[in-house]
PDB file of N, CA and C in Angstrom:
ATOM      1  N   UNK A   1     101.194  92.301  82.915  1.00  0.00           N
ATOM      2  CA  UNK A   1     100.231  91.495  82.115  1.00  0.00           C
ATOM      3  C   UNK A   1      99.715  90.374  82.901  1.00  0.00           C
ATOM      4  N   UNK A   2     100.514  89.740  83.794  1.00  0.00           N
ATOM      5  CA  UNK A   2      99.994  88.656  84.565  1.00  0.00           C
ATOM      6  C   UNK A   2      98.813  89.085  85.475  1.00  0.00           C
ATOM      7  N   UNK A   3      98.836  90.360  85.946  1.00  0.00           N
ATOM      8  CA  UNK A   3      97.789  90.802  86.804  1.00  0.00           C
ATOM      9  C   UNK A   3      96.467  90.778  86.154  1.00  0.00           C
ATOM     10  N   UNK A   4      96.440  90.993  84.850  1.00  0.00           N
ATOM     11  CA  UNK A   4      95.178  91.001  84.115  1.00  0.00           C
ATOM     12  C   UNK A   4      94.694  89.540  83.814  1.00  0.00           C
ATOM     13  N   UNK A   5      95.464  88.536  84.049  1.00  0.00           N
ATOM     14  CA  UNK A   5      95.139  87.141  83.663  1.00  0.00           C
ATOM     15  C   UNK A   5      94.895  86.409  85.007  1.00  0.00           C
ATOM     16  N   UNK A   6      95.120  86.964  86.165  1.00  0.00           N
ATOM     17  CA  UNK A   6      95.054  86.197  87.379  1.00  0.00           C
ATOM     18  C   UNK A   6      94.138  86.791  88.442  1.00  0.00           C
ATOM     19  N   UNK A   7      93.507  86.023  89.206  1.00  0.00           N
ATOM     20  CA  UNK A   7      92.675  86.453  90.341  1.00  0.00           C
ATOM     21  C   UNK A   7      93.545  86.577  91.594  1.00  0.00           C
ATOM     22  N   UNK A   8      94.761  86.127  91.562  1.00  0.00           N
ATOM     23  CA  UNK A   8      95.674  86.202  92.662  1.00  0.00           C
ATOM     24  C   UNK A   8      96.273  87.584  92.770  1.00  0.00           C
ATOM     25  N   UNK A   9      96.709  88.050  93.952  1.00  0.00           N
ATOM     26  CA  UNK A   9      97.456  89.283  94.118  1.00  0.00           C
ATOM     27  C   UNK A   9      98.764  89.072  93.362  1.00  0.00           C
ATOM     28  N   UNK A  10      99.183  90.154  92.687  1.00  0.00           N
ATOM     29  CA  UNK A  10     100.449  90.116  91.984  1.00  0.00           C
ATOM     30  C   UNK A  10     101.368  91.218  92.480  1.00  0.00           C
ATOM     31  N   UNK A  11     102.637  90.869  92.749  1.00  0.00           N
ATOM     32  CA  UNK A  11     103.618  91.802  93.275  1.00  0.00           C
ATOM     33  C   UNK A  11     104.478  92.029  92.089  1.00  0.00           C
ATOM     34  N   UNK A  12     104.601  93.305  91.617  1.00  0.00           N
ATOM     35  CA  UNK A  12     105.376  93.622  90.457  1.00  0.00           C
ATOM     36  C   UNK A  12     106.763  94.064  90.781  1.00  0.00           C
ATOM     37  N   UNK A  13     107.760  93.450  90.302  1.00  0.00           N
ATOM     38  CA  UNK A  13     109.121  93.781  90.414  1.00  0.00           C
ATOM     39  C   UNK A  13     109.728  94.136  89.132  1.00  0.00           C
ATOM     40  N   UNK A  14     109.922  95.426  88.903  1.00  0.00           N
ATOM     41  CA  UNK A  14     110.533  95.840  87.536  1.00  0.00           C
ATOM     42  C   UNK A  14     111.957  95.273  87.414  1.00  0.00           C
ATOM     43  N   UNK A  15     112.227  94.793  86.224  1.00  0.00           N
ATOM     44  CA  UNK A  15     113.515  94.294  85.861  1.00  0.00           C
ATOM     45  C   UNK A  15     114.438  95.434  85.517  1.00  0.00           C
ATOM     46  N   UNK A  16     115.655  95.385  86.072  1.00  0.00           N
ATOM     47  CA  UNK A  16     116.648  96.455  85.786  1.00  0.00           C
ATOM     48  C   UNK A  16     117.237  96.110  84.395  1.00  0.00           C
ATOM     49  N   UNK A  17     116.883  96.939  83.362  1.00  0.00           N
ATOM     50  CA  UNK A  17     117.313  96.686  82.078  1.00  0.00           C
ATOM     51  C   UNK A  17     118.375  97.670  81.665  1.00  0.00           C
ATOM     52  N   UNK A  18     119.127  97.425  80.596  1.00  0.00           N
ATOM     53  CA  UNK A  18     120.065  98.335  80.106  1.00  0.00           C
ATOM     54  C   UNK A  18     119.396  99.557  79.476  1.00  0.00           C
ATOM     55  N   UNK A  19     118.184  99.320  78.885  1.00  0.00           N
ATOM     56  CA  UNK A  19     117.460 100.396  78.272  1.00  0.00           C
ATOM     57  C   UNK A  19     116.715 101.152  79.436  1.00  0.00           C
ATOM     58  N   UNK A  20     117.012 102.349  79.747  1.00  0.00           N
ATOM     59  CA  UNK A  20     116.401 103.237  80.716  1.00  0.00           C
ATOM     60  C   UNK A  20     116.515 102.716  82.151  1.00  0.00           C
ATOM     61  N   UNK A  21     117.540 101.808  82.363  1.00  0.00           N
ATOM     62  CA  UNK A  21     117.810 101.345  83.752  1.00  0.00           C
ATOM     63  C   UNK A  21     116.582 100.773  84.471  1.00  0.00           C
ATOM     64  N   UNK A  22     115.610 100.248  83.808  1.00  0.00           N
ATOM     65  CA  UNK A  22     114.442  99.661  84.351  1.00  0.00           C
ATOM     66  C   UNK A  22     113.281 100.520  84.533  1.00  0.00           C
ATOM     67  N   UNK A  23     113.486 101.802  84.127  1.00  0.00           N
ATOM     68  CA  UNK A  23     112.318 102.780  84.197  1.00  0.00           C
ATOM     69  C   UNK A  23     111.185 102.307  83.352  1.00  0.00           C
ATOM     70  N   UNK A  24     111.485 101.725  82.175  1.00  0.00           N
ATOM     71  CA  UNK A  24     110.478 101.223  81.296  1.00  0.00           C
ATOM     72  C   UNK A  24     109.662 100.129  81.958  1.00  0.00           C
ATOM     73  N   UNK A  25     110.358  99.217  82.668  1.00  0.00           N
ATOM     74  CA  UNK A  25     109.742  98.168  83.362  1.00  0.00           C
ATOM     75  C   UNK A  25     108.789  98.689  84.464  1.00  0.00           C
ATOM     76  N   UNK A  26     109.373  99.617  85.208  1.00  0.00           N
ATOM     77  CA  UNK A  26     108.566 100.221  86.287  1.00  0.00           C
ATOM     78  C   UNK A  26     107.282 100.834  85.815  1.00  0.00           C
ATOM     79  N   UNK A  27     107.389 101.694  84.743  1.00  0.00           N
ATOM     80  CA  UNK A  27     106.270 102.374  84.246  1.00  0.00           C
ATOM     81  C   UNK A  27     105.186 101.362  83.693  1.00  0.00           C
ATOM     82  N   UNK A  28     105.634 100.249  83.108  1.00  0.00           N
ATOM     83  CA  UNK A  28     104.648  99.301  82.611  1.00  0.00           C
ATOM     84  C   UNK A  28     103.863  98.675  83.718  1.00  0.00           C
ATOM     85  N   UNK A  29     104.445  98.571  84.888  1.00  0.00           N
ATOM     86  CA  UNK A  29     103.764  98.011  86.056  1.00  0.00           C
ATOM     87  C   UNK A  29     102.789  99.012  86.708  1.00  0.00           C
ATOM     88  N   UNK A  30     103.422 100.181  86.965  1.00  0.00           N
ATOM     89  CA  UNK A  30     102.511 101.191  87.671  1.00  0.00           C
ATOM     90  C   UNK A  30     101.356 101.743  86.861  1.00  0.00           C
ATOM     91  N   UNK A  31     101.408 101.597  85.599  1.00  0.00           N
ATOM     92  CA  UNK A  31     100.360 102.074  84.813  1.00  0.00           C
ATOM     93  C   UNK A  31      99.204 101.079  84.449  1.00  0.00           C
ATOM     94  N   UNK A  32      99.063 100.091  85.351  1.00  0.00           N
ATOM     95  CA  UNK A  32      97.966  99.122  85.141  1.00  0.00           C
ATOM     96  C   UNK A  32      96.626  99.843  85.240  1.00  0.00           C
ATOM     97  N   UNK A  33      95.682  99.540  84.405  1.00  0.00           N
ATOM     98  CA  UNK A  33      94.403 100.250  84.426  1.00  0.00           C
ATOM     99  C   UNK A  33      93.520  99.829  85.609  1.00  0.00           C
ATOM    100  N   UNK A  34      92.518 100.722  85.867  1.00  0.00           N
ATOM    101  CA  UNK A  34      91.580 100.491  86.916  1.00  0.00           C
ATOM    102  C   UNK A  34      90.994  99.039  86.860  1.00  0.00           C
ATOM    103  N   UNK A  35      91.014  98.347  87.921  1.00  0.00           N
ATOM    104  CA  UNK A  35      90.437  96.964  87.980  1.00  0.00           C
ATOM    105  C   UNK A  35      91.548  95.989  87.912  1.00  0.00           C
ATOM    106  N   UNK A  36      92.800  96.398  87.673  1.00  0.00           N
ATOM    107  CA  UNK A  36      93.907  95.446  87.599  1.00  0.00           C
ATOM    108  C   UNK A  36      95.001  95.884  88.659  1.00  0.00           C
ATOM    109  N   UNK A  37      94.674  95.720  89.927  1.00  0.00           N
ATOM    110  CA  UNK A  37      95.619  96.144  90.962  1.00  0.00           C
ATOM    111  C   UNK A  37      96.909  95.344  90.980  1.00  0.00           C
ATOM    112  N   UNK A  38      97.995  96.000  91.057  1.00  0.00           N
ATOM    113  CA  UNK A  38      99.298  95.389  91.101  1.00  0.00           C
ATOM    114  C   UNK A  38     100.202  96.142  92.041  1.00  0.00           C
ATOM    115  N   UNK A  39     100.699  95.449  93.152  1.00  0.00           N
ATOM    116  CA  UNK A  39     101.596  96.040  94.037  1.00  0.00           C
ATOM    117  C   UNK A  39     102.887  96.262  93.313  1.00  0.00           C
ATOM    118  N   UNK A  40     103.539  97.348  93.405  1.00  0.00           N
ATOM    119  CA  UNK A  40     104.774  97.662  92.738  1.00  0.00           C
ATOM    120  C   UNK A  40     105.845  98.044  93.622  1.00  0.00           C
ATOM    121  N   UNK A  41     107.082  97.547  93.351  1.00  0.00           N
ATOM    122  CA  UNK A  41     108.191  97.682  94.180  1.00  0.00           C
ATOM    123  C   UNK A  41     109.368  98.380  93.313  1.00  0.00           C
ATOM    124  N   UNK A  42     110.423  98.639  93.990  1.00  0.00           N
ATOM    125  CA  UNK A  42     111.511  99.341  93.417  1.00  0.00           C
ATOM    126  C   UNK A  42     112.267  98.436  92.315  1.00  0.00           C
ATOM    127  N   UNK A  43     112.913  99.082  91.438  1.00  0.00           N
ATOM    128  CA  UNK A  43     113.629  98.368  90.350  1.00  0.00           C
ATOM    129  C   UNK A  43     114.789  97.575  90.981  1.00  0.00           C
ATOM    130  N   UNK A  44     114.976  96.344  90.474  1.00  0.00           N
ATOM    131  CA  UNK A  44     116.190  95.525  90.832  1.00  0.00           C
ATOM    132  C   UNK A  44     116.097  94.783  92.134  1.00  0.00           C
ATOM    133  N   UNK A  45     117.333  94.530  92.707  1.00  0.00           N
ATOM    134  CA  UNK A  45     117.447  93.693  93.854  1.00  0.00           C
ATOM    135  C   UNK A  45     116.630  94.156  95.107  1.00  0.00           C
ATOM    136  N   UNK A  46     116.789  95.481  95.381  1.00  0.00           N
ATOM    137  CA  UNK A  46     116.024  96.001  96.530  1.00  0.00           C
ATOM    138  C   UNK A  46     114.574  95.774  96.422  1.00  0.00           C
ATOM    139  N   UNK A  47     114.044  95.952  95.187  1.00  0.00           N
ATOM    140  CA  UNK A  47     112.623  95.743  94.995  1.00  0.00           C
ATOM    141  C   UNK A  47     112.289  94.326  95.187  1.00  0.00           C
ATOM    142  N   UNK A  48     113.068  93.408  94.698  1.00  0.00           N
ATOM    143  CA  UNK A  48     112.839  91.900  94.845  1.00  0.00           C
ATOM    144  C   UNK A  48     112.874  91.492  96.335  1.00  0.00           C
ATOM    145  N   UNK A  49     113.774  92.056  97.004  1.00  0.00           N
ATOM    146  CA  UNK A  49     113.832  91.743  98.519  1.00  0.00           C
ATOM    147  C   UNK A  49     112.623  92.288  99.236  1.00  0.00           C
ATOM    148  N   UNK A  50     112.302  93.545  98.953  1.00  0.00           N
ATOM    149  CA  UNK A  50     111.051  94.092  99.573  1.00  0.00           C
ATOM    150  C   UNK A  50     109.731  93.356  99.127  1.00  0.00           C
ATOM    151  N   UNK A  51     109.709  92.905  97.937  1.00  0.00           N
ATOM    152  CA  UNK A  51     108.555  92.088  97.489  1.00  0.00           C
ATOM    153  C   UNK A  51     108.494  90.867  98.312  1.00  0.00           C
ATOM    154  N   UNK A  52     109.584  90.227  98.522  1.00  0.00           N
ATOM    155  CA  UNK A  52     109.608  89.011  99.240  1.00  0.00           C
ATOM    156  C   UNK A  52     109.155  89.301 100.725  1.00  0.00           C
ATOM    157  N   UNK A  53     109.675  90.386 101.315  1.00  0.00           N
ATOM    158  CA  UNK A  53     109.266  90.668 102.617  1.00  0.00           C
ATOM    159  C   UNK A  53     107.779  91.074 102.770  1.00  0.00           C
ATOM    160  N   UNK A  54     107.273  91.687 101.649  1.00  0.00           N
ATOM    161  CA  UNK A  54     105.851  92.034 101.678  1.00  0.00           C
ATOM    162  C   UNK A  54     104.949  90.767 101.558  1.00  0.00           C
ATOM    163  N   UNK A  55     105.401  89.853 100.731  1.00  0.00           N
ATOM    164  CA  UNK A  55     104.655  88.541 100.610  1.00  0.00           C
ATOM    165  C   UNK A  55     104.695  87.798 101.961  1.00  0.00           C
ATOM    166  N   UNK A  56     105.829  87.820 102.618  1.00  0.00           N
ATOM    167  CA  UNK A  56     105.955  87.130 103.892  1.00  0.00           C
ATOM    168  C   UNK A  56     104.998  87.836 104.871  1.00  0.00           C
ATOM    169  N   UNK A  57     104.982  89.085 104.845  1.00  0.00           N
ATOM    170  CA  UNK A  57     104.069  89.879 105.751  1.00  0.00           C
ATOM    171  C   UNK A  57     102.602  89.582 105.481  1.00  0.00           C
ATOM    172  N   UNK A  58     102.264  89.355 104.211  1.00  0.00           N
ATOM    173  CA  UNK A  58     100.858  88.956 103.916  1.00  0.00           C
ATOM    174  C   UNK A  58     100.551  87.524 104.442  1.00  0.00           C
ATOM    175  N   UNK A  59     101.468  86.658 104.207  1.00  0.00           N
ATOM    176  CA  UNK A  59     101.298  85.234 104.656  1.00  0.00           C
ATOM    177  C   UNK A  59     101.286  85.201 106.134  1.00  0.00           C
ATOM    178  N   UNK A  60     102.073  86.037 106.808  1.00  0.00           N
ATOM    179  CA  UNK A  60     102.214  86.007 108.255  1.00  0.00           C
ATOM    180  C   UNK A  60     100.917  86.406 108.964  1.00  0.00           C
ATOM    181  N   UNK A  61     100.002  87.005 108.310  1.00  0.00           N
ATOM    182  CA  UNK A  61      98.751  87.358 108.882  1.00  0.00           C
ATOM    183  C   UNK A  61      97.958  86.214 109.431  1.00  0.00           C
ATOM    184  N   UNK A  62      98.211  85.090 108.770  1.00  0.00           N
ATOM    185  CA  UNK A  62      97.485  83.776 109.194  1.00  0.00           C
ATOM    186  C   UNK A  62      98.449  82.756 109.533  1.00  0.00           C
ATOM    187  N   UNK A  63      99.668  83.018 109.907  1.00  0.00           N
ATOM    188  CA  UNK A  63     100.653  81.968 110.258  1.00  0.00           C
ATOM    189  C   UNK A  63     101.549  82.535 111.387  1.00  0.00           C
ATOM    190  N   UNK A  64     101.281  82.018 112.624  1.00  0.00           N
ATOM    191  CA  UNK A  64     102.006  82.603 113.795  1.00  0.00           C
ATOM    192  C   UNK A  64     103.504  82.283 113.677  1.00  0.00           C
ATOM    193  N   UNK A  65     103.832  81.147 113.212  1.00  0.00           N
ATOM    194  CA  UNK A  65     105.274  80.832 113.055  1.00  0.00           C
ATOM    195  C   UNK A  65     106.014  81.839 112.189  1.00  0.00           C
ATOM    196  N   UNK A  66     105.381  82.026 111.005  1.00  0.00           N
ATOM    197  CA  UNK A  66     105.974  82.987 110.050  1.00  0.00           C
ATOM    198  C   UNK A  66     105.957  84.449 110.597  1.00  0.00           C
ATOM    199  N   UNK A  67     104.880  84.742 111.271  1.00  0.00           N
ATOM    200  CA  UNK A  67     104.820  86.075 111.919  1.00  0.00           C
ATOM    201  C   UNK A  67     105.946  86.205 112.977  1.00  0.00           C
ATOM    202  N   UNK A  68     106.201  85.356 113.772  1.00  0.00           N
ATOM    203  CA  UNK A  68     107.248  85.384 114.806  1.00  0.00           C
ATOM    204  C   UNK A  68     108.591  85.587 114.139  1.00  0.00           C
ATOM    205  N   UNK A  69     108.848  84.803 113.076  1.00  0.00           N
ATOM    206  CA  UNK A  69     110.151  84.893 112.387  1.00  0.00           C
ATOM    207  C   UNK A  69     110.321  86.272 111.788  1.00  0.00           C
ATOM    208  N   UNK A  70     109.217  86.814 111.163  1.00  0.00           N
ATOM    209  CA  UNK A  70     109.331  88.167 110.579  1.00  0.00           C
ATOM    210  C   UNK A  70     109.629  89.185 111.665  1.00  0.00           C
ATOM    211  N   UNK A  71     108.976  89.055 112.731  1.00  0.00           N
ATOM    212  CA  UNK A  71     109.219  90.066 113.877  1.00  0.00           C
ATOM    213  C   UNK A  71     110.713  89.962 114.272  1.00  0.00           C
ATOM    214  N   UNK A  72     111.224  88.736 114.442  1.00  0.00           N
ATOM    215  CA  UNK A  72     112.663  88.570 114.841  1.00  0.00           C
ATOM    216  C   UNK A  72     113.560  89.268 113.809  1.00  0.00           C
ATOM    217  N   UNK A  73     113.269  88.960 112.528  1.00  0.00           N
ATOM    218  CA  UNK A  73     114.111  89.471 111.428  1.00  0.00           C
ATOM    219  C   UNK A  73     114.081  91.009 111.471  1.00  0.00           C
ATOM    220  N   UNK A  74     112.871  91.560 111.614  1.00  0.00           N
ATOM    221  CA  UNK A  74     112.740  93.072 111.668  1.00  0.00           C
ATOM    222  C   UNK A  74     113.493  93.665 112.831  1.00  0.00           C
ATOM    223  N   UNK A  75     113.416  92.942 114.024  1.00  0.00           N
ATOM    224  CA  UNK A  75     114.162  93.474 115.120  1.00  0.00           C
ATOM    225  C   UNK A  75     115.679  93.439 114.884  1.00  0.00           C
ATOM    226  N   UNK A  76     116.158  92.421 114.236  1.00  0.00           N
ATOM    227  CA  UNK A  76     117.610  92.321 113.911  1.00  0.00           C
ATOM    228  C   UNK A  76     117.996  93.466 113.002  1.00  0.00           C
ATOM    229  N   UNK A  77     117.141  93.760 112.048  1.00  0.00           N
ATOM    230  CA  UNK A  77     117.381  94.898 111.116  1.00  0.00           C
ATOM    231  C   UNK A  77     117.476  96.151 111.867  1.00  0.00           C
ATOM    232  N   UNK A  78     116.493  96.442 112.746  1.00  0.00           N
ATOM    233  CA  UNK A  78     116.489  97.643 113.556  1.00  0.00           C
ATOM    234  C   UNK A  78     117.783  97.727 114.451  1.00  0.00           C
ATOM    235  N   UNK A  79     118.072  96.597 115.119  1.00  0.00           N
ATOM    236  CA  UNK A  79     119.185  96.552 116.050  1.00  0.00           C
ATOM    237  C   UNK A  79     120.586  96.774 115.245  1.00  0.00           C
ATOM    238  N   UNK A  80     120.581  96.511 114.074  1.00  0.00           N
ATOM    239  CA  UNK A  80     121.822  96.629 113.256  1.00  0.00           C
ATOM    240  C   UNK A  80     122.203  98.034 112.915  1.00  0.00           C
ATOM    241  N   UNK A  81     121.224  98.995 113.066  1.00  0.00           N
ATOM    242  CA  UNK A  81     121.421 100.340 112.764  1.00  0.00           C
ATOM    243  C   UNK A  81     122.022 101.005 113.966  1.00  0.00           C
ATOM    244  N   UNK A  82     123.167 101.729 113.793  1.00  0.00           N
ATOM    245  CA  UNK A  82     123.871 102.386 114.793  1.00  0.00           C
ATOM    246  C   UNK A  82     123.109 103.591 115.229  1.00  0.00           C
ATOM    247  N   UNK A  83     123.053 103.829 116.512  1.00  0.00           N
ATOM    248  CA  UNK A  83     122.403 105.055 117.087  1.00  0.00           C
ATOM    249  C   UNK A  83     123.093 106.329 116.601  1.00  0.00           C
ATOM    250  N   UNK A  84     124.443 106.273 116.594  1.00  0.00           N
ATOM    251  CA  UNK A  84     125.215 107.420 116.171  1.00  0.00           C
ATOM    252  C   UNK A  84     126.167 106.949 115.052  1.00  0.00           C
ATOM    253  N   UNK A  85     125.909 107.447 113.878  1.00  0.00           N
ATOM    254  CA  UNK A  85     126.808 107.042 112.767  1.00  0.00           C
ATOM    255  C   UNK A  85     128.221 107.474 113.035  1.00  0.00           C
ATOM    256  N   UNK A  86     129.182 106.584 112.660  1.00  0.00           N
ATOM    257  CA  UNK A  86     130.627 106.926 112.895  1.00  0.00           C
ATOM    258  C   UNK A  86     131.162 107.828 111.779  1.00  0.00           C
TER     259      UNK A  86
END
């Protein structure tokens, strides 16, 4: 609903509910009508973290300091993955 009231970009994070495990929240965000664009992420904590990273990525386009920090964070994430799972 906020997307329809704002000219700012809106990042939709579905709330994980007891009813339908958040599917109801997800569907209410992804079914926004034409003219009301809303970026949508996964239900729950993973979605919230990805939305934060997405927002940082958007802001980093015009902020070299933020861009550098995001690049370092992503490299750490990549380096934390084992080449061969044990």
